[in-house]
């Protein structure tokens, strides 16, 4: 068993990259939603 005591200690810093990726997934869905809104607006104007 090996335990980090300073750098790399605790769940907050070790889960940071996982949490960042989860936020990135939410962000990707929001960006896709923004593109959907753009397509809707462009389609309305084209109609």
ModelCIF file with pLDDT and N, C-alpha, C, O atoms, coordinates in Angstrom:
data_MODEL
#
_entry.id   MODEL 
#
_entity.id                         1 
_entity.type                       polymer 
_entity.pdbx_number_of_molecules   1 
#
_entity_poly.entity_id                      1 
_entity_poly.type                           'polypeptide(L)' 
_entity_poly.nstd_linkage                   no 
_entity_poly.nstd_monomer                   no 
_entity_poly.pdbx_seq_one_letter_code       
;(UNK)(UNK)(UNK)(UNK)(UNK)(UNK)(UNK)(UNK)(UNK)(UNK)(UNK)(UNK)(UNK)(UNK)(UNK)(UNK)
(UNK)(UNK)(UNK)(UNK)(UNK)(UNK)(UNK)(UNK)(UNK)(UNK)(UNK)(UNK)(UNK)(UNK)(UNK)(UNK)
(UNK)(UNK)(UNK)(UNK)(UNK)(UNK)(UNK)(UNK)(UNK)(UNK)(UNK)(UNK)(UNK)(UNK)(UNK)
;
_entity_poly.pdbx_seq_one_letter_code_can   XXXXXXXXXXXXXXXXXXXXXXXXXXXXXXXXXXXXXXXXXXXXXXX 
_entity_poly.pdbx_strand_id                 A 
#
loop_
_entity_poly_seq.entity_id 
_entity_poly_seq.num 
_entity_poly_seq.mon_id 
_entity_poly_seq.hetero 
1 1  UNK n 
1 2  UNK n 
1 3  UNK n 
1 4  UNK n 
1 5  UNK n 
1 6  UNK n 
1 7  UNK n 
1 8  UNK n 
1 9  UNK n 
1 10 UNK n 
1 11 UNK n 
1 12 UNK n 
1 13 UNK n 
1 14 UNK n 
1 15 UNK n 
1 16 UNK n 
1 17 UNK n 
1 18 UNK n 
1 19 UNK n 
1 20 UNK n 
1 21 UNK n 
1 22 UNK n 
1 23 UNK n 
1 24 UNK n 
1 25 UNK n 
1 26 UNK n 
1 27 UNK n 
1 28 UNK n 
1 29 UNK n 
1 30 UNK n 
1 31 UNK n 
1 32 UNK n 
1 33 UNK n 
1 34 UNK n 
1 35 UNK n 
1 36 UNK n 
1 37 UNK n 
1 38 UNK n 
1 39 UNK n 
1 40 UNK n 
1 41 UNK n 
1 42 UNK n 
1 43 UNK n 
1 44 UNK n 
1 45 UNK n 
1 46 UNK n 
1 47 UNK n 
#
_struct_asym.id          A 
_struct_asym.entity_id   1 
#
loop_
_ma_qa_metric.id 
_ma_qa_metric.mode 
_ma_qa_metric.name 
_ma_qa_metric.software_group_id 
_ma_qa_metric.type 
1 global pLDDT . pLDDT 
2 local  pLDDT . pLDDT 
#
_ma_qa_metric_global.metric_id      1 
_ma_qa_metric_global.metric_value   93.60 
_ma_qa_metric_global.model_id       1 
_ma_qa_metric_global.ordinal_id     1 
#
loop_
_ma_qa_metric_local.label_asym_id 
_ma_qa_metric_local.label_comp_id 
_ma_qa_metric_local.label_seq_id 
_ma_qa_metric_local.metric_id 
_ma_qa_metric_local.metric_value 
_ma_qa_metric_local.model_id 
_ma_qa_metric_local.ordinal_id 
A UNK 1  2 95.00 1 1  
A UNK 2  2 95.00 1 2  
A UNK 3  2 94.00 1 3  
A UNK 4  2 93.00 1 4  
A UNK 5  2 93.00 1 5  
A UNK 6  2 92.00 1 6  
A UNK 7  2 91.00 1 7  
A UNK 8  2 91.00 1 8  
A UNK 9  2 93.00 1 9  
A UNK 10 2 92.00 1 10 
A UNK 11 2 93.00 1 11 
A UNK 12 2 93.00 1 12 
A UNK 13 2 93.00 1 13 
A UNK 14 2 93.00 1 14 
A UNK 15 2 94.00 1 15 
A UNK 16 2 94.00 1 16 
A UNK 17 2 94.00 1 17 
A UNK 18 2 95.00 1 18 
A UNK 19 2 95.00 1 19 
A UNK 20 2 94.00 1 20 
A UNK 21 2 95.00 1 21 
A UNK 22 2 96.00 1 22 
A UNK 23 2 95.00 1 23 
A UNK 24 2 95.00 1 24 
A UNK 25 2 95.00 1 25 
A UNK 26 2 94.00 1 26 
A UNK 27 2 94.00 1 27 
A UNK 28 2 94.00 1 28 
A UNK 29 2 94.00 1 29 
A UNK 30 2 93.00 1 30 
A UNK 31 2 93.00 1 31 
A UNK 32 2 93.00 1 32 
A UNK 33 2 93.00 1 33 
A UNK 34 2 93.00 1 34 
A UNK 35 2 93.00 1 35 
A UNK 36 2 93.00 1 36 
A UNK 37 2 94.00 1 37 
A UNK 38 2 93.00 1 38 
A UNK 39 2 93.00 1 39 
A UNK 40 2 93.00 1 40 
A UNK 41 2 94.00 1 41 
A UNK 42 2 94.00 1 42 
A UNK 43 2 93.00 1 43 
A UNK 44 2 93.00 1 44 
A UNK 45 2 94.00 1 45 
A UNK 46 2 94.00 1 46 
A UNK 47 2 94.00 1 47 
#
loop_
_atom_site.group_PDB 
_atom_site.id 
_atom_site.type_symbol 
_atom_site.label_atom_id 
_atom_site.label_alt_id 
_atom_site.label_comp_id 
_atom_site.label_asym_id 
_atom_site.label_entity_id 
_atom_site.label_seq_id 
_atom_site.pdbx_PDB_ins_code 
_atom_site.Cartn_x 
_atom_site.Cartn_y 
_atom_site.Cartn_z 
_atom_site.occupancy 
_atom_site.B_iso_or_equiv 
_atom_site.pdbx_formal_charge 
_atom_site.auth_seq_id 
_atom_site.auth_comp_id 
_atom_site.auth_asym_id 
_atom_site.auth_atom_id 
_atom_site.pdbx_PDB_model_num 
ATOM 1   N N  . UNK A 1 1  ? 0.867   -1.194 0.000   1.00 95.00 ? 1  UNK A N  1 
ATOM 2   C CA . UNK A 1 1  ? 0.000   0.000  0.000   1.00 95.00 ? 1  UNK A CA 1 
ATOM 3   C C  . UNK A 1 1  ? 0.891   1.227  0.000   1.00 95.00 ? 1  UNK A C  1 
ATOM 4   O O  . UNK A 1 1  ? 1.890   1.294  0.715   1.00 95.00 ? 1  UNK A O  1 
ATOM 5   N N  . UNK A 1 2  ? 0.497   2.219  -0.837  1.00 95.00 ? 2  UNK A N  1 
ATOM 6   C CA . UNK A 1 2  ? 1.212   3.498  -0.843  1.00 95.00 ? 2  UNK A CA 1 
ATOM 7   C C  . UNK A 1 2  ? 0.185   4.619  -0.831  1.00 95.00 ? 2  UNK A C  1 
ATOM 8   O O  . UNK A 1 2  ? -0.777  4.617  -1.600  1.00 95.00 ? 2  UNK A O  1 
ATOM 9   N N  . UNK A 1 3  ? 0.416   5.585  0.070   1.00 94.00 ? 3  UNK A N  1 
ATOM 10  C CA . UNK A 1 3  ? -0.510  6.696  0.252   1.00 94.00 ? 3  UNK A CA 1 
ATOM 11  C C  . UNK A 1 3  ? 0.208   8.013  0.031   1.00 94.00 ? 3  UNK A C  1 
ATOM 12  O O  . UNK A 1 3  ? 1.250   8.291  0.625   1.00 94.00 ? 3  UNK A O  1 
ATOM 13  N N  . UNK A 1 4  ? -0.398  8.835  -0.868  1.00 93.00 ? 4  UNK A N  1 
ATOM 14  C CA . UNK A 1 4  ? 0.128   10.186 -1.083  1.00 93.00 ? 4  UNK A CA 1 
ATOM 15  C C  . UNK A 1 4  ? -0.324  11.081 0.073   1.00 93.00 ? 4  UNK A C  1 
ATOM 16  O O  . UNK A 1 4  ? -1.476  11.023 0.502   1.00 93.00 ? 4  UNK A O  1 
ATOM 17  N N  . UNK A 1 5  ? 0.590   11.901 0.565   1.00 93.00 ? 5  UNK A N  1 
ATOM 18  C CA . UNK A 1 5  ? 0.292   12.764 1.706   1.00 93.00 ? 5  UNK A CA 1 
ATOM 19  C C  . UNK A 1 5  ? 0.172   14.236 1.333   1.00 93.00 ? 5  UNK A C  1 
ATOM 20  O O  . UNK A 1 5  ? -0.514  14.983 2.030   1.00 93.00 ? 5  UNK A O  1 
ATOM 21  N N  . UNK A 1 6  ? 0.810   14.674 0.267   1.00 92.00 ? 6  UNK A N  1 
ATOM 22  C CA . UNK A 1 6  ? 0.740   16.072 -0.150  1.00 92.00 ? 6  UNK A CA 1 
ATOM 23  C C  . UNK A 1 6  ? 0.158   16.166 -1.550  1.00 92.00 ? 6  UNK A C  1 
ATOM 24  O O  . UNK A 1 6  ? -1.055  16.314 -1.698  1.00 92.00 ? 6  UNK A O  1 
ATOM 25  N N  . UNK A 1 7  ? 0.987   16.086 -2.577  1.00 91.00 ? 7  UNK A N  1 
ATOM 26  C CA . UNK A 1 7  ? 0.479   16.128 -3.952  1.00 91.00 ? 7  UNK A CA 1 
ATOM 27  C C  . UNK A 1 7  ? -0.310  14.850 -4.243  1.00 91.00 ? 7  UNK A C  1 
ATOM 28  O O  . UNK A 1 7  ? 0.143   13.739 -3.967  1.00 91.00 ? 7  UNK A O  1 
ATOM 29  N N  . UNK A 1 8  ? -1.501  15.042 -4.806  1.00 91.00 ? 8  UNK A N  1 
ATOM 30  C CA . UNK A 1 8  ? -2.329  13.893 -5.139  1.00 91.00 ? 8  UNK A CA 1 
ATOM 31  C C  . UNK A 1 8  ? -3.090  13.320 -3.969  1.00 91.00 ? 8  UNK A C  1 
ATOM 32  O O  . UNK A 1 8  ? -3.564  12.187 -4.049  1.00 91.00 ? 8  UNK A O  1 
ATOM 33  N N  . UNK A 1 9  ? -3.229  14.078 -2.859  1.00 93.00 ? 9  UNK A N  1 
ATOM 34  C CA . UNK A 1 9  ? -3.948  13.568 -1.692  1.00 93.00 ? 9  UNK A CA 1 
ATOM 35  C C  . UNK A 1 9  ? -5.396  14.040 -1.735  1.00 93.00 ? 9  UNK A C  1 
ATOM 36  O O  . UNK A 1 9  ? -5.663  15.212 -2.001  1.00 93.00 ? 9  UNK A O  1 
ATOM 37  N N  . UNK A 1 10 ? -6.329  13.133 -1.475  1.00 92.00 ? 10 UNK A N  1 
ATOM 38  C CA . UNK A 1 10 ? -7.740  13.480 -1.366  1.00 92.00 ? 10 UNK A CA 1 
ATOM 39  C C  . UNK A 1 10 ? -8.524  13.245 -2.641  1.00 92.00 ? 10 UNK A C  1 
ATOM 40  O O  . UNK A 1 10 ? -7.978  13.230 -3.744  1.00 92.00 ? 10 UNK A O  1 
ATOM 41  N N  . UNK A 1 11 ? -9.824  13.061 -2.454  1.00 93.00 ? 11 UNK A N  1 
ATOM 42  C CA . UNK A 1 11 ? -10.699 12.746 -3.596  1.00 93.00 ? 11 UNK A CA 1 
ATOM 43  C C  . UNK A 1 11 ? -10.936 13.961 -4.492  1.00 93.00 ? 11 UNK A C  1 
ATOM 44  O O  . UNK A 1 11 ? -11.181 13.815 -5.689  1.00 93.00 ? 11 UNK A O  1 
ATOM 45  N N  . UNK A 1 12 ? -10.863 15.159 -3.908  1.00 93.00 ? 12 UNK A N  1 
ATOM 46  C CA . UNK A 1 12 ? -11.193 16.348 -4.702  1.00 93.00 ? 12 UNK A CA 1 
ATOM 47  C C  . UNK A 1 12 ? -10.254 16.493 -5.887  1.00 93.00 ? 12 UNK A C  1 
ATOM 48  O O  . UNK A 1 12 ? -10.706 16.677 -7.018  1.00 93.00 ? 12 UNK A O  1 
ATOM 49  N N  . UNK A 1 13 ? -8.957  16.413 -5.641  1.00 93.00 ? 13 UNK A N  1 
ATOM 50  C CA . UNK A 1 13 ? -8.007  16.623 -6.719  1.00 93.00 ? 13 UNK A CA 1 
ATOM 51  C C  . UNK A 1 13 ? -7.930  15.407 -7.639  1.00 93.00 ? 13 UNK A C  1 
ATOM 52  O O  . UNK A 1 13 ? -7.723  15.556 -8.843  1.00 93.00 ? 13 UNK A O  1 
ATOM 53  N N  . UNK A 1 14 ? -8.095  14.210 -7.085  1.00 93.00 ? 14 UNK A N  1 
ATOM 54  C CA . UNK A 1 14 ? -7.990  13.014 -7.919  1.00 93.00 ? 14 UNK A CA 1 
ATOM 55  C C  . UNK A 1 14 ? -9.221  12.808 -8.802  1.00 93.00 ? 14 UNK A C  1 
ATOM 56  O O  . UNK A 1 14 ? -9.125  12.181 -9.857  1.00 93.00 ? 14 UNK A O  1 
ATOM 57  N N  . UNK A 1 15 ? -10.373 13.327 -8.382  1.00 94.00 ? 15 UNK A N  1 
ATOM 58  C CA . UNK A 1 15 ? -11.570 13.203 -9.204  1.00 94.00 ? 15 UNK A CA 1 
ATOM 59  C C  . UNK A 1 15 ? -11.763 14.425 -10.103 1.00 94.00 ? 15 UNK A C  1 
ATOM 60  O O  . UNK A 1 15 ? -12.758 14.514 -10.821 1.00 94.00 ? 15 UNK A O  1 
ATOM 61  N N  . UNK A 1 16 ? -10.816 15.366 -10.065 1.00 94.00 ? 16 UNK A N  1 
ATOM 62  C CA . UNK A 1 16 ? -10.972 16.605 -10.837 1.00 94.00 ? 16 UNK A CA 1 
ATOM 63  C C  . UNK A 1 16 ? -11.087 16.319 -12.330 1.00 94.00 ? 16 UNK A C  1 
ATOM 64  O O  . UNK A 1 16 ? -11.943 16.894 -13.002 1.00 94.00 ? 16 UNK A O  1 
ATOM 65  N N  . UNK A 1 17 ? -10.242 15.444 -12.856 1.00 94.00 ? 17 UNK A N  1 
ATOM 66  C CA . UNK A 1 17 ? -10.286 15.162 -14.286 1.00 94.00 ? 17 UNK A CA 1 
ATOM 67  C C  . UNK A 1 17 ? -11.567 14.438 -14.689 1.00 94.00 ? 17 UNK A C  1 
ATOM 68  O O  . UNK A 1 17 ? -12.108 14.676 -15.769 1.00 94.00 ? 17 UNK A O  1 
ATOM 69  N N  . UNK A 1 18 ? -12.050 13.546 -13.809 1.00 95.00 ? 18 UNK A N  1 
ATOM 70  C CA . UNK A 1 18 ? -13.313 12.870 -14.102 1.00 95.00 ? 18 UNK A CA 1 
ATOM 71  C C  . UNK A 1 18 ? -14.458 13.872 -14.087 1.00 95.00 ? 18 UNK A C  1 
ATOM 72  O O  . UNK A 1 18 ? -15.314 13.864 -14.971 1.00 95.00 ? 18 UNK A O  1 
ATOM 73  N N  . UNK A 1 19 ? -14.466 14.739 -13.069 1.00 95.00 ? 19 UNK A N  1 
ATOM 74  C CA . UNK A 1 19 ? -15.525 15.759 -13.008 1.00 95.00 ? 19 UNK A CA 1 
ATOM 75  C C  . UNK A 1 19 ? -15.429 16.716 -14.190 1.00 95.00 ? 19 UNK A C  1 
ATOM 76  O O  . UNK A 1 19 ? -16.444 17.159 -14.728 1.00 95.00 ? 19 UNK A O  1 
ATOM 77  N N  . UNK A 1 20 ? -14.202 17.028 -14.588 1.00 94.00 ? 20 UNK A N  1 
ATOM 78  C CA . UNK A 1 20 ? -14.032 17.911 -15.743 1.00 94.00 ? 20 UNK A CA 1 
ATOM 79  C C  . UNK A 1 20 ? -14.599 17.268 -17.007 1.00 94.00 ? 20 UNK A C  1 
ATOM 80  O O  . UNK A 1 20 ? -15.224 17.943 -17.825 1.00 94.00 ? 20 UNK A O  1 
ATOM 81  N N  . UNK A 1 21 ? -14.378 15.963 -17.164 1.00 95.00 ? 21 UNK A N  1 
ATOM 82  C CA . UNK A 1 21 ? -14.907 15.258 -18.331 1.00 95.00 ? 21 UNK A CA 1 
ATOM 83  C C  . UNK A 1 21 ? -16.431 15.198 -18.288 1.00 95.00 ? 21 UNK A C  1 
ATOM 84  O O  . UNK A 1 21 ? -17.085 15.292 -19.326 1.00 95.00 ? 21 UNK A O  1 
ATOM 85  N N  . UNK A 1 22 ? -16.999 15.042 -17.093 1.00 96.00 ? 22 UNK A N  1 
ATOM 86  C CA . UNK A 1 22 ? -18.454 15.022 -16.985 1.00 96.00 ? 22 UNK A CA 1 
ATOM 87  C C  . UNK A 1 22 ? -19.039 16.388 -17.340 1.00 96.00 ? 22 UNK A C  1 
ATOM 88  O O  . UNK A 1 22 ? -20.059 16.478 -18.024 1.00 96.00 ? 22 UNK A O  1 
ATOM 89  N N  . UNK A 1 23 ? -18.385 17.445 -16.871 1.00 95.00 ? 23 UNK A N  1 
ATOM 90  C CA . UNK A 1 23 ? -18.837 18.782 -17.250 1.00 95.00 ? 23 UNK A CA 1 
ATOM 91  C C  . UNK A 1 23 ? -18.683 18.973 -18.761 1.00 95.00 ? 23 UNK A C  1 
ATOM 92  O O  . UNK A 1 23 ? -19.522 19.605 -19.403 1.00 95.00 ? 23 UNK A O  1 
ATOM 93  N N  . UNK A 1 24 ? -17.607 18.421 -19.319 1.00 95.00 ? 24 UNK A N  1 
ATOM 94  C CA . UNK A 1 24 ? -17.410 18.497 -20.769 1.00 95.00 ? 24 UNK A CA 1 
ATOM 95  C C  . UNK A 1 24 ? -18.520 17.795 -21.532 1.00 95.00 ? 24 UNK A C  1 
ATOM 96  O O  . UNK A 1 24 ? -18.913 18.242 -22.609 1.00 95.00 ? 24 UNK A O  1 
ATOM 97  N N  . UNK A 1 25 ? -19.028 16.699 -20.983 1.00 95.00 ? 25 UNK A N  1 
ATOM 98  C CA . UNK A 1 25 ? -20.145 15.998 -21.621 1.00 95.00 ? 25 UNK A CA 1 
ATOM 99  C C  . UNK A 1 25 ? -21.399 16.865 -21.583 1.00 95.00 ? 25 UNK A C  1 
ATOM 100 O O  . UNK A 1 25 ? -22.112 16.970 -22.582 1.00 95.00 ? 25 UNK A O  1 
ATOM 101 N N  . UNK A 1 26 ? -21.673 17.489 -20.430 1.00 94.00 ? 26 UNK A N  1 
ATOM 102 C CA . UNK A 1 26 ? -22.811 18.403 -20.343 1.00 94.00 ? 26 UNK A CA 1 
ATOM 103 C C  . UNK A 1 26 ? -22.628 19.585 -21.291 1.00 94.00 ? 26 UNK A C  1 
ATOM 104 O O  . UNK A 1 26 ? -23.576 20.032 -21.936 1.00 94.00 ? 26 UNK A O  1 
ATOM 105 N N  . UNK A 1 27 ? -21.408 20.079 -21.364 1.00 94.00 ? 27 UNK A N  1 
ATOM 106 C CA . UNK A 1 27 ? -21.117 21.207 -22.250 1.00 94.00 ? 27 UNK A CA 1 
ATOM 107 C C  . UNK A 1 27 ? -21.330 20.816 -23.717 1.00 94.00 ? 27 UNK A C  1 
ATOM 108 O O  . UNK A 1 27 ? -21.847 21.607 -24.506 1.00 94.00 ? 27 UNK A O  1 
ATOM 109 N N  . UNK A 1 28 ? -20.932 19.604 -24.072 1.00 94.00 ? 28 UNK A N  1 
ATOM 110 C CA . UNK A 1 28 ? -21.127 19.147 -25.456 1.00 94.00 ? 28 UNK A CA 1 
ATOM 111 C C  . UNK A 1 28 ? -22.612 19.063 -25.794 1.00 94.00 ? 28 UNK A C  1 
ATOM 112 O O  . UNK A 1 28 ? -23.016 19.396 -26.908 1.00 94.00 ? 28 UNK A O  1 
ATOM 113 N N  . UNK A 1 29 ? -23.420 18.620 -24.841 1.00 94.00 ? 29 UNK A N  1 
ATOM 114 C CA . UNK A 1 29 ? -24.862 18.578 -25.080 1.00 94.00 ? 29 UNK A CA 1 
ATOM 115 C C  . UNK A 1 29 ? -25.437 19.987 -25.215 1.00 94.00 ? 29 UNK A C  1 
ATOM 116 O O  . UNK A 1 29 ? -26.319 20.221 -26.042 1.00 94.00 ? 29 UNK A O  1 
ATOM 117 N N  . UNK A 1 30 ? -24.943 20.924 -24.407 1.00 93.00 ? 30 UNK A N  1 
ATOM 118 C CA . UNK A 1 30 ? -25.405 22.303 -24.520 1.00 93.00 ? 30 UNK A CA 1 
ATOM 119 C C  . UNK A 1 30 ? -25.000 22.907 -25.859 1.00 93.00 ? 30 UNK A C  1 
ATOM 120 O O  . UNK A 1 30 ? -25.784 23.615 -26.491 1.00 93.00 ? 30 UNK A O  1 
ATOM 121 N N  . UNK A 1 31 ? -23.771 22.624 -26.287 1.00 93.00 ? 31 UNK A N  1 
ATOM 122 C CA . UNK A 1 31 ? -23.324 23.138 -27.578 1.00 93.00 ? 31 UNK A CA 1 
ATOM 123 C C  . UNK A 1 31 ? -24.153 22.537 -28.720 1.00 93.00 ? 31 UNK A C  1 
ATOM 124 O O  . UNK A 1 31 ? -24.487 23.226 -29.684 1.00 93.00 ? 31 UNK A O  1 
ATOM 125 N N  . UNK A 1 32 ? -24.476 21.252 -28.601 1.00 93.00 ? 32 UNK A N  1 
ATOM 126 C CA . UNK A 1 32 ? -25.319 20.633 -29.626 1.00 93.00 ? 32 UNK A CA 1 
ATOM 127 C C  . UNK A 1 32 ? -26.707 21.271 -29.629 1.00 93.00 ? 32 UNK A C  1 
ATOM 128 O O  . UNK A 1 32 ? -27.294 21.491 -30.688 1.00 93.00 ? 32 UNK A O  1 
ATOM 129 N N  . UNK A 1 33 ? -27.225 21.564 -28.437 1.00 93.00 ? 33 UNK A N  1 
ATOM 130 C CA . UNK A 1 33 ? -28.517 22.240 -28.355 1.00 93.00 ? 33 UNK A CA 1 
ATOM 131 C C  . UNK A 1 33 ? -28.456 23.608 -29.014 1.00 93.00 ? 33 UNK A C  1 
ATOM 132 O O  . UNK A 1 33 ? -29.400 24.025 -29.685 1.00 93.00 ? 33 UNK A O  1 
ATOM 133 N N  . UNK A 1 34 ? -27.328 24.315 -28.819 1.00 93.00 ? 34 UNK A N  1 
ATOM 134 C CA . UNK A 1 34 ? -27.172 25.620 -29.469 1.00 93.00 ? 34 UNK A CA 1 
ATOM 135 C C  . UNK A 1 34 ? -27.182 25.484 -30.986 1.00 93.00 ? 34 UNK A C  1 
ATOM 136 O O  . UNK A 1 34 ? -27.774 26.308 -31.683 1.00 93.00 ? 34 UNK A O  1 
ATOM 137 N N  . UNK A 1 35 ? -26.529 24.448 -31.497 1.00 93.00 ? 35 UNK A N  1 
ATOM 138 C CA . UNK A 1 35 ? -26.538 24.225 -32.948 1.00 93.00 ? 35 UNK A CA 1 
ATOM 139 C C  . UNK A 1 35 ? -27.947 23.889 -33.439 1.00 93.00 ? 35 UNK A C  1 
ATOM 140 O O  . UNK A 1 35 ? -28.338 24.299 -34.532 1.00 93.00 ? 35 UNK A O  1 
ATOM 141 N N  . UNK A 1 36 ? -28.705 23.149 -32.637 1.00 93.00 ? 36 UNK A N  1 
ATOM 142 C CA . UNK A 1 36 ? -30.085 22.849 -33.013 1.00 93.00 ? 36 UNK A CA 1 
ATOM 143 C C  . UNK A 1 36 ? -30.899 24.141 -33.107 1.00 93.00 ? 36 UNK A C  1 
ATOM 144 O O  . UNK A 1 36 ? -31.684 24.322 -34.038 1.00 93.00 ? 36 UNK A O  1 
ATOM 145 N N  . UNK A 1 37 ? -30.706 25.030 -32.139 1.00 94.00 ? 37 UNK A N  1 
ATOM 146 C CA . UNK A 1 37 ? -31.416 26.309 -32.170 1.00 94.00 ? 37 UNK A CA 1 
ATOM 147 C C  . UNK A 1 37 ? -31.010 27.124 -33.393 1.00 94.00 ? 37 UNK A C  1 
ATOM 148 O O  . UNK A 1 37 ? -31.847 27.788 -34.005 1.00 94.00 ? 37 UNK A O  1 
ATOM 149 N N  . UNK A 1 38 ? -29.727 27.076 -33.750 1.00 93.00 ? 38 UNK A N  1 
ATOM 150 C CA . UNK A 1 38 ? -29.280 27.789 -34.950 1.00 93.00 ? 38 UNK A CA 1 
ATOM 151 C C  . UNK A 1 38 ? -29.951 27.226 -36.203 1.00 93.00 ? 38 UNK A C  1 
ATOM 152 O O  . UNK A 1 38 ? -30.391 27.979 -37.071 1.00 93.00 ? 38 UNK A O  1 
ATOM 153 N N  . UNK A 1 39 ? -30.026 25.904 -36.288 1.00 93.00 ? 39 UNK A N  1 
ATOM 154 C CA . UNK A 1 39 ? -30.657 25.285 -37.459 1.00 93.00 ? 39 UNK A CA 1 
ATOM 155 C C  . UNK A 1 39 ? -32.143 25.639 -37.514 1.00 93.00 ? 39 UNK A C  1 
ATOM 156 O O  . UNK A 1 39 ? -32.684 25.896 -38.590 1.00 93.00 ? 39 UNK A O  1 
ATOM 157 N N  . UNK A 1 40 ? -32.797 25.652 -36.361 1.00 93.00 ? 40 UNK A N  1 
ATOM 158 C CA . UNK A 1 40 ? -34.216 26.029 -36.333 1.00 93.00 ? 40 UNK A CA 1 
ATOM 159 C C  . UNK A 1 40 ? -34.390 27.468 -36.815 1.00 93.00 ? 40 UNK A C  1 
ATOM 160 O O  . UNK A 1 40 ? -35.271 27.753 -37.627 1.00 93.00 ? 40 UNK A O  1 
ATOM 161 N N  . UNK A 1 41 ? -33.550 28.370 -36.315 1.00 94.00 ? 41 UNK A N  1 
ATOM 162 C CA . UNK A 1 41 ? -33.649 29.775 -36.731 1.00 94.00 ? 41 UNK A CA 1 
ATOM 163 C C  . UNK A 1 41 ? -33.378 29.922 -38.225 1.00 94.00 ? 41 UNK A C  1 
ATOM 164 O O  . UNK A 1 41 ? -34.101 30.635 -38.922 1.00 94.00 ? 41 UNK A O  1 
ATOM 165 N N  . UNK A 1 42 ? -32.338 29.248 -38.717 1.00 94.00 ? 42 UNK A N  1 
ATOM 166 C CA . UNK A 1 42 ? -32.021 29.337 -40.146 1.00 94.00 ? 42 UNK A CA 1 
ATOM 167 C C  . UNK A 1 42 ? -33.149 28.761 -41.005 1.00 94.00 ? 42 UNK A C  1 
ATOM 168 O O  . UNK A 1 42 ? -33.465 29.289 -42.071 1.00 94.00 ? 42 UNK A O  1 
ATOM 169 N N  . UNK A 1 43 ? -33.750 27.669 -40.522 1.00 93.00 ? 43 UNK A N  1 
ATOM 170 C CA . UNK A 1 43 ? -34.846 27.063 -41.275 1.00 93.00 ? 43 UNK A CA 1 
ATOM 171 C C  . UNK A 1 43 ? -36.066 27.976 -41.296 1.00 93.00 ? 43 UNK A C  1 
ATOM 172 O O  . UNK A 1 43 ? -36.721 28.114 -42.329 1.00 93.00 ? 43 UNK A O  1 
ATOM 173 N N  . UNK A 1 44 ? -36.374 28.597 -40.165 1.00 93.00 ? 44 UNK A N  1 
ATOM 174 C CA . UNK A 1 44 ? -37.501 29.527 -40.122 1.00 93.00 ? 44 UNK A CA 1 
ATOM 175 C C  . UNK A 1 44 ? -37.287 30.691 -41.087 1.00 93.00 ? 44 UNK A C  1 
ATOM 176 O O  . UNK A 1 44 ? -38.176 31.042 -41.862 1.00 93.00 ? 44 UNK A O  1 
ATOM 177 N N  . UNK A 1 45 ? -36.098 31.280 -41.027 1.00 94.00 ? 45 UNK A N  1 
ATOM 178 C CA . UNK A 1 45 ? -35.825 32.407 -41.927 1.00 94.00 ? 45 UNK A CA 1 
ATOM 179 C C  . UNK A 1 45 ? -35.862 31.981 -43.389 1.00 94.00 ? 45 UNK A C  1 
ATOM 180 O O  . UNK A 1 45 ? -36.372 32.709 -44.241 1.00 94.00 ? 45 UNK A O  1 
ATOM 181 N N  . UNK A 1 46 ? -35.313 30.786 -43.682 1.00 94.00 ? 46 UNK A N  1 
ATOM 182 C CA . UNK A 1 46 ? -35.339 30.306 -45.068 1.00 94.00 ? 46 UNK A CA 1 
ATOM 183 C C  . UNK A 1 46 ? -36.772 30.053 -45.534 1.00 94.00 ? 46 UNK A C  1 
ATOM 184 O O  . UNK A 1 46 ? -37.109 30.323 -46.687 1.00 94.00 ? 46 UNK A O  1 
ATOM 185 N N  . UNK A 1 47 ? -37.602 29.542 -44.651 1.00 94.00 ? 47 UNK A N  1 
ATOM 186 C CA . UNK A 1 47 ? -39.017 29.314 -44.999 1.00 94.00 ? 47 UNK A CA 1 
ATOM 187 C C  . UNK A 1 47 ? -39.707 30.640 -45.306 1.00 94.00 ? 47 UNK A C  1 
ATOM 188 O O  . UNK A 1 47 ? -40.898 30.658 -45.618 1.00 94.00 ? 47 UNK A O  1 
#
